[in-house]
C-alpha atoms as a PDB file:
ATOM      1  CA  MET A   1     -20.119 -62.135-108.355  1.00  0.00           C
ATOM      2  CA  ASP A   2     -21.059 -59.820-105.525  1.00  0.00           C
ATOM      3  CA  LYS A   3     -23.612 -60.927-102.980  1.00  0.00           C
ATOM      4  CA  PRO A   4     -26.996 -59.751-104.302  1.00  0.00           C
ATOM      5  CA  ASP A   5     -28.903 -57.033-102.471  1.00  0.00           C
ATOM      6  CA  HIS A   6     -32.133 -59.012-102.879  1.00  0.00           C
ATOM      7  CA  HIS A   7     -33.149 -62.541-103.827  1.00  0.00           C
ATOM      8  CA  ILE A   8     -36.418 -63.201-105.632  1.00  0.00           C
ATOM      9  CA  PHE A   9     -37.903 -66.674-105.363  1.00  0.00           C
ATOM     10  CA  VAL A  10     -40.596 -67.654-107.861  1.00  0.00           C
ATOM     11  CA  CYS A  11     -42.693 -70.688-106.975  1.00  0.00           C
ATOM     12  CA  ALA A  12     -42.476 -73.296-109.716  1.00  0.00           C
ATOM     13  CA  SER A  13     -44.502 -75.902-107.801  1.00  0.00           C
ATOM     14  CA  PHE A  14     -41.822 -78.599-108.030  1.00  0.00           C
ATOM     15  CA  ARG A  15     -42.574 -81.594-105.810  1.00  0.00           C
ATOM     16  CA  ALA A  16     -40.166 -84.037-104.171  1.00  0.00           C
ATOM     17  CA  GLY A  17     -40.279 -86.303-107.225  1.00  0.00           C
ATOM     18  CA  GLY A  18     -39.280 -83.411-109.492  1.00  0.00           C
ATOM     19  CA  ASP A  19     -42.709 -82.938-111.055  1.00  0.00           C
ATOM     20  CA  SER A  20     -44.203 -79.473-111.281  1.00  0.00           C
ATOM     21  CA  LYS A  21     -47.873 -80.084-110.614  1.00  0.00           C
ATOM     22  CA  GLY A  22     -49.075 -77.217-108.441  1.00  0.00           C
ATOM     23  CA  THR A  23     -51.062 -74.048-108.914  1.00  0.00           C
ATOM     24  CA  CYS A  24     -48.169 -71.657-109.549  1.00  0.00           C
ATOM     25  CA  ASN A  25     -46.764 -73.738-112.374  1.00  0.00           C
ATOM     26  CA  LYS A  26     -50.196 -74.289-113.901  1.00  0.00           C
ATOM     27  CA  LYS A  27     -50.734 -70.524-113.885  1.00  0.00           C
ATOM     28  CA  GLY A  28     -47.469 -69.912-115.753  1.00  0.00           C
ATOM     29  CA  SER A  29     -45.051 -68.815-113.038  1.00  0.00           C
ATOM     30  CA  LEU A  30     -42.024 -70.120-114.950  1.00  0.00           C
ATOM     31  CA  ASN A  31     -42.963 -67.981-117.948  1.00  0.00           C
ATOM     32  CA  PHE A  32     -42.206 -64.888-115.842  1.00  0.00           C
ATOM     33  CA  LEU A  33     -38.568 -65.785-115.134  1.00  0.00           C
ATOM     34  CA  PRO A  34     -37.133 -64.323-118.369  1.00  0.00           C
ATOM     35  CA  TYR A  35     -39.204 -61.169-117.910  1.00  0.00           C
ATOM     36  CA  ILE A  36     -38.007 -60.724-114.324  1.00  0.00           C
ATOM     37  CA  GLU A  37     -34.381 -61.334-115.333  1.00  0.00           C
ATOM     38  CA  ASN A  38     -34.605 -58.790-118.173  1.00  0.00           C
ATOM     39  CA  GLU A  39     -36.233 -56.189-115.928  1.00  0.00           C
ATOM     40  CA  ILE A  40     -33.521 -56.644-113.309  1.00  0.00           C
ATOM     41  CA  VAL A  41     -30.815 -56.060-115.910  1.00  0.00           C
ATOM     42  CA  ASP A  42     -32.656 -53.091-117.473  1.00  0.00           C
ATOM     43  CA  ARG A  43     -33.109 -51.486-114.053  1.00  0.00           C
ATOM     44  CA  GLY A  44     -29.502 -52.145-113.009  1.00  0.00           C
ATOM     45  CA  LEU A  45     -30.586 -54.035-109.886  1.00  0.00           C
ATOM     46  CA  ASN A  46     -28.296 -56.395-107.999  1.00  0.00           C
ATOM     47  CA  VAL A  47     -30.858 -59.188-107.577  1.00  0.00           C
ATOM     48  CA  ALA A  48     -30.699 -62.979-107.840  1.00  0.00           C
ATOM     49  CA  VAL A  49     -33.731 -64.895-109.159  1.00  0.00           C
ATOM     50  CA  THR A  50     -34.473 -68.529-108.357  1.00  0.00           C
ATOM     51  CA  SER A  51     -37.362 -70.862-109.172  1.00  0.00           C
ATOM     52  CA  THR A  52     -38.410 -73.015-106.236  1.00  0.00           C
ATOM     53  CA  GLY A  53     -40.322 -76.012-105.130  1.00  0.00           C
ATOM     54  CA  CYS A  54     -43.850 -75.589-103.844  1.00  0.00           C
ATOM     55  CA  MET A  55     -44.082 -72.760-101.311  1.00  0.00           C
ATOM     56  CA  LYS A  56     -47.332 -74.134 -99.869  1.00  0.00           C
ATOM     57  CA  ALA A  57     -49.292 -70.958-100.643  1.00  0.00           C
ATOM     58  CA  CYS A  58     -51.346 -72.378-103.510  1.00  0.00           C
ATOM     59  CA  ASP A  59     -54.409 -70.261-102.705  1.00  0.00           C
ATOM     60  CA  PHE A  60     -52.331 -67.211-103.652  1.00  0.00           C
ATOM     61  CA  GLY A  61     -50.490 -68.594-106.685  1.00  0.00           C
ATOM     62  CA  PRO A  62     -48.454 -67.693-108.525  1.00  0.00           C
ATOM     63  CA  VAL A  63     -46.298 -66.679-105.574  1.00  0.00           C
ATOM     64  CA  MET A  64     -43.106 -64.614-105.513  1.00  0.00           C
ATOM     65  CA  VAL A  65     -40.989 -63.983-102.382  1.00  0.00           C
ATOM     66  CA  ILE A  66     -38.290 -61.341-101.934  1.00  0.00           C
ATOM     67  CA  TYR A  67     -35.524 -61.648 -99.354  1.00  0.00           C
ATOM     68  CA  PRO A  68     -33.982 -60.367 -97.161  1.00  0.00           C
ATOM     69  CA  GLU A  69     -37.208 -58.356 -96.724  1.00  0.00           C
ATOM     70  CA  GLY A  70     -39.370 -61.484 -96.417  1.00  0.00           C
ATOM     71  CA  LEU A  71     -42.066 -60.047 -98.687  1.00  0.00           C
ATOM     72  CA  TRP A  72     -44.541 -62.638 -99.976  1.00  0.00           C
ATOM     73  CA  TYR A  73     -46.493 -61.616-103.070  1.00  0.00           C
ATOM     74  CA  GLY A  74     -49.482 -63.480-104.426  1.00  0.00           C
ATOM     75  CA  HIS A  75     -51.530 -63.628-107.614  1.00  0.00           C
ATOM     76  CA  VAL A  76     -48.526 -62.574-109.702  1.00  0.00           C
ATOM     77  CA  THR A  77     -50.275 -63.199-113.006  1.00  0.00           C
ATOM     78  CA  ARG A  78     -48.897 -60.611-115.431  1.00  0.00           C
ATOM     79  CA  GLU A  79     -45.927 -58.366-116.205  1.00  0.00           C
ATOM     80  CA  THR A  80     -47.612 -55.215-114.861  1.00  0.00           C
ATOM     81  CA  ILE A  81     -47.777 -56.795-111.394  1.00  0.00           C
ATOM     82  CA  ILE A  82     -44.088 -57.702-111.607  1.00  0.00           C
ATOM     83  CA  ASP A  83     -43.317 -54.129-112.670  1.00  0.00           C
ATOM     84  CA  ASP A  84     -45.171 -52.788-109.614  1.00  0.00           C
ATOM     85  CA  ILE A  85     -43.287 -55.183-107.339  1.00  0.00           C
ATOM     86  CA  LEU A  86     -39.912 -54.254-108.843  1.00  0.00           C
ATOM     87  CA  ASP A  87     -40.797 -50.541-108.674  1.00  0.00           C
ATOM     88  CA  GLY A  88     -41.439 -51.016-104.970  1.00  0.00           C
ATOM     89  CA  LEU A  89     -38.148 -52.849-104.563  1.00  0.00           C
ATOM     90  CA  GLU A  90     -36.328 -49.947-106.211  1.00  0.00           C
ATOM     91  CA  ASP A  91     -38.173 -47.385-104.062  1.00  0.00           C
ATOM     92  CA  GLY A  92     -37.711 -49.338-100.842  1.00  0.00           C
ATOM     93  CA  LYS A  93     -41.475 -49.638-100.387  1.00  0.00           C
ATOM     94  CA  PRO A  94     -43.387 -52.903-100.879  1.00  0.00           C
ATOM     95  CA  ALA A  95     -46.157 -53.126-103.462  1.00  0.00           C
ATOM     96  CA  THR A  96     -48.726 -53.597-100.702  1.00  0.00           C
ATOM     97  CA  GLU A  97     -51.674 -54.435-102.961  1.00  0.00           C
ATOM     98  CA  TYR A  98     -50.050 -57.789-103.865  1.00  0.00           C
ATOM     99  CA  LEU A  99     -48.687 -58.772-100.454  1.00  0.00           C
ATOM    100  CA  ILE A 100     -49.902 -61.968 -98.860  1.00  0.00           C
ATOM    101  CA  THR A 101     -50.869 -61.074 -95.307  1.00  0.00           C
END
């Protein structure tokens, strides 16, 4: 496997004990993983996707972060938002309306 061009982290709200109790998980962040993976394949992007522990940005949940750009997106609550974010990734321009500032 080649090193990915980007790495998307999706907050799954996992805590030290392994429980997923936080805002992102309660708002369905894990349900977006298959959609994101399918979109990446369909778009031919070289991107890794990982679910994470709590990112400590609960006020903005669900949260998604893209590296190496360091873009933090909040309120990722439906596929159309993910599409906008991935469109921006393809175009090299962040989807500014969802950025956490």
